[in-house]
PDB file of all heavy atoms in Angstrom:
ATOM      1  N   PHE A   1       0.917  -1.224  -0.068  1.00  0.00           N
ATOM      2  CA  PHE A   1       0.068   0.001   0.018  1.00  0.00           C
ATOM      3  C   PHE A   1       0.867   1.160   0.020  1.00  0.00           C
ATOM      4  O   PHE A   1       0.512   2.197  -0.689  1.00  0.00           O
ATOM      5  CB  PHE A   1      -0.849   0.036   1.173  1.00  0.00           C
ATOM      6  CG  PHE A   1      -1.612   1.201   1.451  1.00  0.00           C
ATOM      7  CD1 PHE A   1      -2.826   1.552   0.637  1.00  0.00           C
ATOM      8  CD2 PHE A   1      -1.331   2.146   2.436  1.00  0.00           C
ATOM      9  CE1 PHE A   1      -3.386   2.770   0.717  1.00  0.00           C
ATOM     10  CE2 PHE A   1      -2.031   3.379   2.608  1.00  0.00           C
ATOM     11  CZ  PHE A   1      -3.143   3.527   1.761  1.00  0.00           C
ATOM     12  N   LEU A   2       1.928   1.297   0.759  1.00  0.00           N
ATOM     13  CA  LEU A   2       2.742   2.517   0.899  1.00  0.00           C
ATOM     14  C   LEU A   2       3.437   2.740  -0.408  1.00  0.00           C
ATOM     15  O   LEU A   2       3.619   3.871  -0.915  1.00  0.00           O
ATOM     16  CB  LEU A   2       3.825   2.253   1.961  1.00  0.00           C
ATOM     17  CG  LEU A   2       3.393   2.238   3.393  1.00  0.00           C
ATOM     18  CD1 LEU A   2       4.533   2.271   4.376  1.00  0.00           C
ATOM     19  CD2 LEU A   2       2.557   3.561   3.689  1.00  0.00           C
ATOM     20  N   TRP A   3       3.947   1.686  -1.125  1.00  0.00           N
ATOM     21  CA  TRP A   3       4.480   1.805  -2.553  1.00  0.00           C
ATOM     22  C   TRP A   3       3.540   2.325  -3.509  1.00  0.00           C
ATOM     23  O   TRP A   3       3.812   3.141  -4.307  1.00  0.00           O
ATOM     24  CB  TRP A   3       5.278   0.651  -2.932  1.00  0.00           C
ATOM     25  CG  TRP A   3       6.553   0.412  -2.228  1.00  0.00           C
ATOM     26  CD1 TRP A   3       7.026  -0.672  -1.465  1.00  0.00           C
ATOM     27  CD2 TRP A   3       7.776   1.182  -2.400  1.00  0.00           C
ATOM     28  NE1 TRP A   3       8.312  -0.588  -1.127  1.00  0.00           N
ATOM     29  CE2 TRP A   3       8.705   0.652  -1.667  1.00  0.00           C
ATOM     30  CE3 TRP A   3       8.027   2.404  -3.059  1.00  0.00           C
ATOM     31  CZ2 TRP A   3      10.097   1.158  -1.618  1.00  0.00           C
ATOM     32  CZ3 TRP A   3       9.112   2.994  -2.986  1.00  0.00           C
ATOM     33  CH2 TRP A   3      10.282   2.382  -2.262  1.00  0.00           C
ATOM     34  N   PHE A   4       2.273   1.808  -3.407  1.00  0.00           N
ATOM     35  CA  PHE A   4       1.283   2.306  -4.282  1.00  0.00           C
ATOM     36  C   PHE A   4       0.942   3.816  -4.163  1.00  0.00           C
ATOM     37  O   PHE A   4       0.970   4.551  -5.146  1.00  0.00           O
ATOM     38  CB  PHE A   4       0.055   1.547  -4.062  1.00  0.00           C
ATOM     39  CG  PHE A   4      -1.122   2.058  -4.920  1.00  0.00           C
ATOM     40  CD1 PHE A   4      -1.233   1.716  -6.255  1.00  0.00           C
ATOM     41  CD2 PHE A   4      -2.240   2.792  -4.320  1.00  0.00           C
ATOM     42  CE1 PHE A   4      -2.372   2.141  -7.029  1.00  0.00           C
ATOM     43  CE2 PHE A   4      -3.222   3.292  -5.049  1.00  0.00           C
ATOM     44  CZ  PHE A   4      -3.333   2.927  -6.486  1.00  0.00           C
ATOM     45  N   VAL A   5       0.987   4.192  -2.828  1.00  0.00           N
ATOM     46  CA  VAL A   5       0.779   5.634  -2.715  1.00  0.00           C
ATOM     47  C   VAL A   5       2.092   6.456  -3.217  1.00  0.00           C
ATOM     48  O   VAL A   5       1.931   7.571  -3.798  1.00  0.00           O
ATOM     49  CB  VAL A   5       0.585   5.877  -1.143  1.00  0.00           C
ATOM     50  CG1 VAL A   5       0.452   7.455  -0.912  1.00  0.00           C
ATOM     51  CG2 VAL A   5      -0.757   5.277  -0.748  1.00  0.00           C
ATOM     52  N   ALA A   6       3.156   5.934  -2.873  1.00  0.00           N
ATOM     53  CA  ALA A   6       4.428   6.594  -3.373  1.00  0.00           C
ATOM     54  C   ALA A   6       4.373   6.772  -4.907  1.00  0.00           C
ATOM     55  O   ALA A   6       4.763   7.797  -5.393  1.00  0.00           O
ATOM     56  CB  ALA A   6       5.607   5.838  -2.898  1.00  0.00           C
ATOM     57  N   PHE A   7       4.062   5.601  -5.577  1.00  0.00           N
ATOM     58  CA  PHE A   7       4.111   5.660  -7.026  1.00  0.00           C
ATOM     59  C   PHE A   7       3.069   6.821  -7.508  1.00  0.00           C
ATOM     60  O   PHE A   7       3.456   7.619  -8.369  1.00  0.00           O
ATOM     61  CB  PHE A   7       3.769   4.348  -7.593  1.00  0.00           C
ATOM     62  CG  PHE A   7       3.450   4.326  -9.119  1.00  0.00           C
ATOM     63  CD1 PHE A   7       4.466   4.559 -10.016  1.00  0.00           C
ATOM     64  CD2 PHE A   7       2.111   4.233  -9.578  1.00  0.00           C
ATOM     65  CE1 PHE A   7       4.140   4.529 -11.394  1.00  0.00           C
ATOM     66  CE2 PHE A   7       1.881   4.312 -10.939  1.00  0.00           C
ATOM     67  CZ  PHE A   7       2.858   4.487 -11.763  1.00  0.00           C
ATOM     68  N   CYS A   8       1.913   6.786  -7.035  1.00  0.00           N
ATOM     69  CA  CYS A   8       0.915   7.679  -7.460  1.00  0.00           C
ATOM     70  C   CYS A   8       1.294   9.226  -7.167  1.00  0.00           C
ATOM     71  O   CYS A   8       1.145  10.086  -7.979  1.00  0.00           O
ATOM     72  CB  CYS A   8      -0.480   7.400  -6.745  1.00  0.00           C
ATOM     73  SG  CYS A   8      -1.126   5.862  -7.223  1.00  0.00           S
ATOM     74  N   PHE A   9       1.901   9.354  -5.899  1.00  0.00           N
ATOM     75  CA  PHE A   9       2.331  10.711  -5.381  1.00  0.00           C
ATOM     76  C   PHE A   9       3.454  11.266  -6.309  1.00  0.00           C
ATOM     77  O   PHE A   9       3.275  12.368  -6.709  1.00  0.00           O
ATOM     78  CB  PHE A   9       2.683  10.615  -3.954  1.00  0.00           C
ATOM     79  CG  PHE A   9       2.730  11.874  -3.286  1.00  0.00           C
ATOM     80  CD1 PHE A   9       2.300  13.117  -3.894  1.00  0.00           C
ATOM     81  CD2 PHE A   9       3.444  12.065  -2.055  1.00  0.00           C
ATOM     82  CE1 PHE A   9       2.385  14.322  -3.282  1.00  0.00           C
ATOM     83  CE2 PHE A   9       3.722  13.297  -1.521  1.00  0.00           C
ATOM     84  CZ  PHE A   9       3.067  14.382  -1.911  1.00  0.00           C
ATOM     85  N   LEU A  10       4.462  10.445  -6.435  1.00  0.00           N
ATOM     86  CA  LEU A  10       5.543  10.992  -7.264  1.00  0.00           C
ATOM     87  C   LEU A  10       5.205  11.125  -8.746  1.00  0.00           C
ATOM     88  O   LEU A  10       5.619  12.079  -9.222  1.00  0.00           O
ATOM     89  CB  LEU A  10       6.707   9.866  -7.068  1.00  0.00           C
ATOM     90  CG  LEU A  10       7.409   9.746  -5.689  1.00  0.00           C
ATOM     91  CD1 LEU A  10       8.414   8.603  -5.667  1.00  0.00           C
ATOM     92  CD2 LEU A  10       7.808  11.074  -5.164  1.00  0.00           C
ATOM     93  N   ALA A  11       4.416  10.207  -9.254  1.00  0.00           N
ATOM     94  CA  ALA A  11       4.033  10.392 -10.694  1.00  0.00           C
ATOM     95  C   ALA A  11       3.155  11.574 -10.841  1.00  0.00           C
ATOM     96  O   ALA A  11       3.338  12.448 -11.810  1.00  0.00           O
ATOM     97  CB  ALA A  11       3.357   9.155 -11.182  1.00  0.00           C
ATOM     98  N   ASN A  12       2.224  11.911  -9.927  1.00  0.00           N
ATOM     99  CA  ASN A  12       1.398  13.121 -10.006  1.00  0.00           C
ATOM    100  C   ASN A  12       2.260  14.355  -9.934  1.00  0.00           C
ATOM    101  O   ASN A  12       2.040  15.281 -10.727  1.00  0.00           O
ATOM    102  CB  ASN A  12       0.331  12.937  -9.049  1.00  0.00           C
ATOM    103  CG  ASN A  12      -0.641  14.242  -8.982  1.00  0.00           C
ATOM    104  OD1 ASN A  12      -0.274  15.154  -8.252  1.00  0.00           O
ATOM    105  ND2 ASN A  12      -1.604  14.251  -9.821  1.00  0.00           N
ATOM    106  N   GLN A  13       3.038  14.371  -8.922  1.00  0.00           N
ATOM    107  CA  GLN A  13       3.894  15.663  -8.857  1.00  0.00           C
ATOM    108  C   GLN A  13       4.931  15.786 -10.002  1.00  0.00           C
ATOM    109  O   GLN A  13       5.208  17.021 -10.366  1.00  0.00           O
ATOM    110  CB  GLN A  13       4.685  15.576  -7.557  1.00  0.00           C
ATOM    111  CG  GLN A  13       3.825  15.554  -6.190  1.00  0.00           C
ATOM    112  CD  GLN A  13       2.971  16.885  -6.141  1.00  0.00           C
ATOM    113  OE1 GLN A  13       3.551  18.013  -6.242  1.00  0.00           O
ATOM    114  NE2 GLN A  13       1.621  16.684  -6.120  1.00  0.00           N
ATOM    115  N   TRP A  14       5.467  14.751 -10.434  1.00  0.00           N
ATOM    116  CA  TRP A  14       6.429  14.836 -11.641  1.00  0.00           C
ATOM    117  C   TRP A  14       5.557  15.363 -12.833  1.00  0.00           C
ATOM    118  O   TRP A  14       6.178  16.113 -13.738  1.00  0.00           O
ATOM    119  CB  TRP A  14       6.986  13.522 -11.977  1.00  0.00           C
ATOM    120  CG  TRP A  14       8.005  13.565 -13.072  1.00  0.00           C
ATOM    121  CD1 TRP A  14       7.811  12.892 -14.305  1.00  0.00           C
ATOM    122  CD2 TRP A  14       9.105  14.277 -13.136  1.00  0.00           C
ATOM    123  NE1 TRP A  14       8.931  13.231 -15.099  1.00  0.00           N
ATOM    124  CE2 TRP A  14       9.721  14.008 -14.461  1.00  0.00           C
ATOM    125  CE3 TRP A  14       9.858  15.083 -12.200  1.00  0.00           C
ATOM    126  CZ2 TRP A  14      10.972  14.520 -14.836  1.00  0.00           C
ATOM    127  CZ3 TRP A  14      11.170  15.626 -12.721  1.00  0.00           C
ATOM    128  CH2 TRP A  14      11.582  15.341 -13.979  1.00  0.00           C
ATOM    129  N   GLN A  15       4.310  14.959 -12.966  1.00  0.00           N
ATOM    130  CA  GLN A  15       3.531  15.430 -14.091  1.00  0.00           C
ATOM    131  C   GLN A  15       3.266  16.927 -14.081  1.00  0.00           C
ATOM    132  O   GLN A  15       3.258  17.706 -15.107  1.00  0.00           O
ATOM    133  CB  GLN A  15       2.204  14.783 -14.168  1.00  0.00           C
ATOM    134  CG  GLN A  15       1.229  15.054 -15.294  1.00  0.00           C
ATOM    135  CD  GLN A  15      -0.017  14.395 -15.157  1.00  0.00           C
ATOM    136  OE1 GLN A  15      -0.242  13.622 -14.258  1.00  0.00           O
ATOM    137  NE2 GLN A  15      -0.897  14.498 -16.232  1.00  0.00           N
ATOM    138  N   TRP A  16       3.264  17.640 -12.874  1.00  0.00           N
ATOM    139  CA  TRP A  16       2.984  18.911 -12.714  1.00  0.00           C
ATOM    140  C   TRP A  16       4.365  19.812 -12.515  1.00  0.00           C
ATOM    141  O   TRP A  16       4.276  20.936 -12.323  1.00  0.00           O
ATOM    142  CB  TRP A  16       2.173  19.205 -11.499  1.00  0.00           C
ATOM    143  CG  TRP A  16       0.826  18.736 -11.717  1.00  0.00           C
ATOM    144  CD1 TRP A  16       0.208  17.526 -11.201  1.00  0.00           C
ATOM    145  CD2 TRP A  16      -0.290  19.453 -12.475  1.00  0.00           C
ATOM    146  NE1 TRP A  16      -1.101  17.587 -11.675  1.00  0.00           N
ATOM    147  CE2 TRP A  16      -1.395  18.595 -12.404  1.00  0.00           C
ATOM    148  CE3 TRP A  16      -0.284  20.649 -13.118  1.00  0.00           C
ATOM    149  CZ2 TRP A  16      -2.687  18.942 -12.992  1.00  0.00           C
ATOM    150  CZ3 TRP A  16      -1.593  21.110 -13.804  1.00  0.00           C
ATOM    151  CH2 TRP A  16      -2.670  20.157 -13.676  1.00  0.00           C
ATOM    152  N   THR A  17       5.532  19.045 -12.601  1.00  0.00           N
ATOM    153  CA  THR A  17       6.744  19.784 -12.530  1.00  0.00           C
ATOM    154  C   THR A  17       7.144  20.566 -13.761  1.00  0.00           C
ATOM    155  O   THR A  17       6.999  20.061 -14.872  1.00  0.00           O
ATOM    156  CB  THR A  17       7.918  18.760 -12.217  1.00  0.00           C
ATOM    157  OG1 THR A  17       7.515  17.979 -11.152  1.00  0.00           O
ATOM    158  CG2 THR A  17       9.272  19.371 -12.113  1.00  0.00           C
ATOM    159  N   THR A  18       7.468  21.694 -13.566  1.00  0.00           N
ATOM    160  CA  THR A  18       7.930  22.742 -14.707  1.00  0.00           C
ATOM    161  C   THR A  18       9.413  22.373 -15.013  1.00  0.00           C
ATOM    162  O   THR A  18      10.343  22.469 -14.080  1.00  0.00           O
ATOM    163  CB  THR A  18       7.786  24.112 -14.318  1.00  0.00           C
ATOM    164  OG1 THR A  18       6.402  24.396 -13.891  1.00  0.00           O
ATOM    165  CG2 THR A  18       8.221  24.977 -15.487  1.00  0.00           C
ATOM    166  N   MET A  19       9.715  22.049 -16.215  1.00  0.00           N
ATOM    167  CA  MET A  19      11.112  21.703 -16.570  1.00  0.00           C
ATOM    168  C   MET A  19      11.962  22.920 -16.609  1.00  0.00           C
ATOM    169  O   MET A  19      11.611  24.036 -17.010  1.00  0.00           O
ATOM    170  CB  MET A  19      11.113  21.049 -17.960  1.00  0.00           C
ATOM    171  CG  MET A  19      10.509  19.671 -18.048  1.00  0.00           C
ATOM    172  SD  MET A  19      11.094  18.477 -16.802  1.00  0.00           S
ATOM    173  CE  MET A  19      12.752  18.218 -17.546  1.00  0.00           C
ATOM    174  N   SER A  20      13.174  22.839 -16.004  1.00  0.00           N
ATOM    175  CA  SER A  20      14.147  23.759 -16.017  1.00  0.00           C
ATOM    176  C   SER A  20      15.500  23.245 -16.218  1.00  0.00           C
ATOM    177  O   SER A  20      15.621  21.992 -16.276  1.00  0.00           O
ATOM    178  CB  SER A  20      14.042  24.663 -14.751  1.00  0.00           C
ATOM    179  OG  SER A  20      14.300  23.909 -13.547  1.00  0.00           O
ATOM    180  N   LYS A  21      16.558  23.947 -16.119  1.00  0.00           N
ATOM    181  CA  LYS A  21      17.831  23.387 -16.303  1.00  0.00           C
ATOM    182  C   LYS A  21      18.218  22.547 -15.190  1.00  0.00           C
ATOM    183  O   LYS A  21      18.803  21.489 -15.286  1.00  0.00           O
ATOM    184  CB  LYS A  21      18.907  24.569 -16.378  1.00  0.00           C
ATOM    185  CG  LYS A  21      20.291  24.123 -16.633  1.00  0.00           C
ATOM    186  CD  LYS A  21      21.315  25.254 -16.678  1.00  0.00           C
ATOM    187  CE  LYS A  21      22.725  24.738 -16.936  1.00  0.00           C
ATOM    188  NZ  LYS A  21      23.602  25.811 -17.025  1.00  0.00           N
ATOM    189  N   GLY A  22      17.867  22.960 -13.846  1.00  0.00           N
ATOM    190  CA  GLY A  22      18.175  22.136 -12.750  1.00  0.00           C
ATOM    191  C   GLY A  22      17.295  20.876 -12.719  1.00  0.00           C
ATOM    192  O   GLY A  22      17.811  19.800 -12.330  1.00  0.00           O
ATOM    193  N   VAL A  23      16.085  20.958 -13.097  1.00  0.00           N
ATOM    194  CA  VAL A  23      15.186  19.798 -13.059  1.00  0.00           C
ATOM    195  C   VAL A  23      15.644  18.789 -14.117  1.00  0.00           C
ATOM    196  O   VAL A  23      15.595  17.602 -13.883  1.00  0.00           O
ATOM    197  CB  VAL A  23      13.796  20.259 -13.405  1.00  0.00           C
ATOM    198  CG1 VAL A  23      12.793  19.127 -13.545  1.00  0.00           C
ATOM    199  CG2 VAL A  23      13.237  21.087 -12.170  1.00  0.00           C
ATOM    200  N   SER A  24      16.041  19.316 -15.288  1.00  0.00           N
ATOM    201  CA  SER A  24      16.360  18.296 -16.287  1.00  0.00           C
ATOM    202  C   SER A  24      17.580  17.522 -16.002  1.00  0.00           C
ATOM    203  O   SER A  24      17.878  16.356 -16.412  1.00  0.00           O
ATOM    204  CB  SER A  24      16.848  19.193 -17.585  1.00  0.00           C
ATOM    205  OG  SER A  24      17.804  20.075 -17.399  1.00  0.00           O
ATOM    206  N   GLN A  25      18.538  18.127 -15.070  1.00  0.00           N
ATOM    207  CA  GLN A  25      19.666  17.341 -14.532  1.00  0.00           C
ATOM    208  C   GLN A  25      19.371  16.077 -13.724  1.00  0.00           C
ATOM    209  O   GLN A  25      19.998  15.140 -13.766  1.00  0.00           O
ATOM    210  CB  GLN A  25      20.678  18.291 -13.868  1.00  0.00           C
ATOM    211  CG  GLN A  25      21.265  19.341 -14.692  1.00  0.00           C
ATOM    212  CD  GLN A  25      22.135  20.188 -13.855  1.00  0.00           C
ATOM    213  OE1 GLN A  25      22.172  20.186 -12.660  1.00  0.00           O
ATOM    214  NE2 GLN A  25      22.774  21.133 -14.586  1.00  0.00           N
ATOM    215  N   GLY A  26      18.263  16.260 -13.000  1.00  0.00           N
ATOM    216  CA  GLY A  26      17.715  15.194 -12.138  1.00  0.00           C
ATOM    217  C   GLY A  26      16.626  14.449 -12.713  1.00  0.00           C
ATOM    218  O   GLY A  26      15.871  13.737 -11.883  1.00  0.00           O
ATOM    219  N   ALA A  27      16.285  14.557 -13.867  1.00  0.00           N
ATOM    220  CA  ALA A  27      15.005  13.953 -14.487  1.00  0.00           C
ATOM    221  C   ALA A  27      15.082  12.488 -14.574  1.00  0.00           C
ATOM    222  O   ALA A  27      14.219  11.819 -14.170  1.00  0.00           O
ATOM    223  CB  ALA A  27      14.758  14.522 -15.863  1.00  0.00           C
ATOM    224  N   ASP A  28      16.385  11.989 -14.905  1.00  0.00           N
ATOM    225  CA  ASP A  28      16.649  10.535 -14.935  1.00  0.00           C
ATOM    226  C   ASP A  28      16.404   9.937 -13.488  1.00  0.00           C
ATOM    227  O   ASP A  28      15.754   8.800 -13.412  1.00  0.00           O
ATOM    228  CB  ASP A  28      17.959  10.210 -15.537  1.00  0.00           C
ATOM    229  CG  ASP A  28      18.043  10.578 -16.896  1.00  0.00           C
ATOM    230  OD1 ASP A  28      17.061  10.632 -17.684  1.00  0.00           O
ATOM    231  OD2 ASP A  28      19.186  10.759 -17.421  1.00  0.00           O
ATOM    232  N   ALA A  29      16.867  10.606 -12.525  1.00  0.00           N
ATOM    233  CA  ALA A  29      16.729  10.015 -11.175  1.00  0.00           C
ATOM    234  C   ALA A  29      15.288  10.015 -10.704  1.00  0.00           C
ATOM    235  O   ALA A  29      14.799   9.069 -10.081  1.00  0.00           O
ATOM    236  CB  ALA A  29      17.559  10.792 -10.232  1.00  0.00           C
ATOM    237  N   ALA A  30      14.531  11.145 -11.073  1.00  0.00           N
ATOM    238  CA  ALA A  30      13.099  11.185 -10.651  1.00  0.00           C
ATOM    239  C   ALA A  30      12.350   9.971 -11.515  1.00  0.00           C
ATOM    240  O   ALA A  30      11.525   9.509 -10.845  1.00  0.00           O
ATOM    241  CB  ALA A  30      12.576  12.558 -11.150  1.00  0.00           C
ATOM    242  N   ARG A  31      12.697   9.775 -12.760  1.00  0.00           N
ATOM    243  CA  ARG A  31      11.903   8.688 -13.391  1.00  0.00           C
ATOM    244  C   ARG A  31      12.340   7.307 -12.879  1.00  0.00           C
ATOM    245  O   ARG A  31      11.474   6.449 -12.817  1.00  0.00           O
ATOM    246  CB  ARG A  31      12.318   8.811 -14.912  1.00  0.00           C
ATOM    247  CG  ARG A  31      11.820  10.062 -15.664  1.00  0.00           C
ATOM    248  CD  ARG A  31      12.023   9.950 -17.145  1.00  0.00           C
ATOM    249  NE  ARG A  31      11.638  11.130 -17.927  1.00  0.00           N
ATOM    250  CZ  ARG A  31      12.481  12.140 -18.175  1.00  0.00           C
ATOM    251  NH1 ARG A  31      13.789  11.943 -17.907  1.00  0.00           N
ATOM    252  NH2 ARG A  31      12.166  13.195 -18.882  1.00  0.00           N
ATOM    253  N   ALA A  32      13.469   7.289 -12.491  1.00  0.00           N
ATOM    254  CA  ALA A  32      13.921   5.947 -11.763  1.00  0.00           C
ATOM    255  C   ALA A  32      13.258   5.711 -10.589  1.00  0.00           C
ATOM    256  O   ALA A  32      12.832   4.561 -10.245  1.00  0.00           O
ATOM    257  CB  ALA A  32      15.454   5.983 -11.589  1.00  0.00           C
ATOM    258  N   ALA A  33      13.072   6.722  -9.779  1.00  0.00           N
ATOM    259  CA  ALA A  33      12.266   6.594  -8.451  1.00  0.00           C
ATOM    260  C   ALA A  33      10.834   6.187  -8.690  1.00  0.00           C
ATOM    261  O   ALA A  33      10.368   5.307  -7.998  1.00  0.00           O
ATOM    262  CB  ALA A  33      12.459   7.815  -7.714  1.00  0.00           C
ATOM    263  N   ILE A  34      10.275   6.784  -9.764  1.00  0.00           N
ATOM    264  CA  ILE A  34       8.778   6.547 -10.008  1.00  0.00           C
ATOM    265  C   ILE A  34       8.685   5.101 -10.607  1.00  0.00           C
ATOM    266  O   ILE A  34       7.822   4.301 -10.149  1.00  0.00           O
ATOM    267  CB  ILE A  34       8.304   7.491 -11.036  1.00  0.00           C
ATOM    268  CG1 ILE A  34       8.298   8.961 -10.477  1.00  0.00           C
ATOM    269  CG2 ILE A  34       6.901   7.045 -11.588  1.00  0.00           C
ATOM    270  CD1 ILE A  34       7.908  10.014 -11.429  1.00  0.00           C
ATOM    271  N   THR A  35       9.606   4.708 -11.503  1.00  0.00           N
ATOM    272  CA  THR A  35       9.629   3.334 -12.101  1.00  0.00           C
ATOM    273  C   THR A  35       9.763   2.294 -11.115  1.00  0.00           C
ATOM    274  O   THR A  35       8.987   1.251 -10.966  1.00  0.00           O
ATOM    275  CB  THR A  35      10.647   3.234 -13.132  1.00  0.00           C
ATOM    276  OG1 THR A  35      10.430   4.271 -14.140  1.00  0.00           O
ATOM    277  CG2 THR A  35      10.604   1.849 -13.814  1.00  0.00           C
TER     278      THR A  35
END
């Protein structure tokens, strides 16, 4: 259950994230955490 909430929470917040130079540097790590 906790991992289900984590997946939904992280995926939702990543969807609303505005891409910038700093964000693009950590984009792969964010996608890895969601996956």
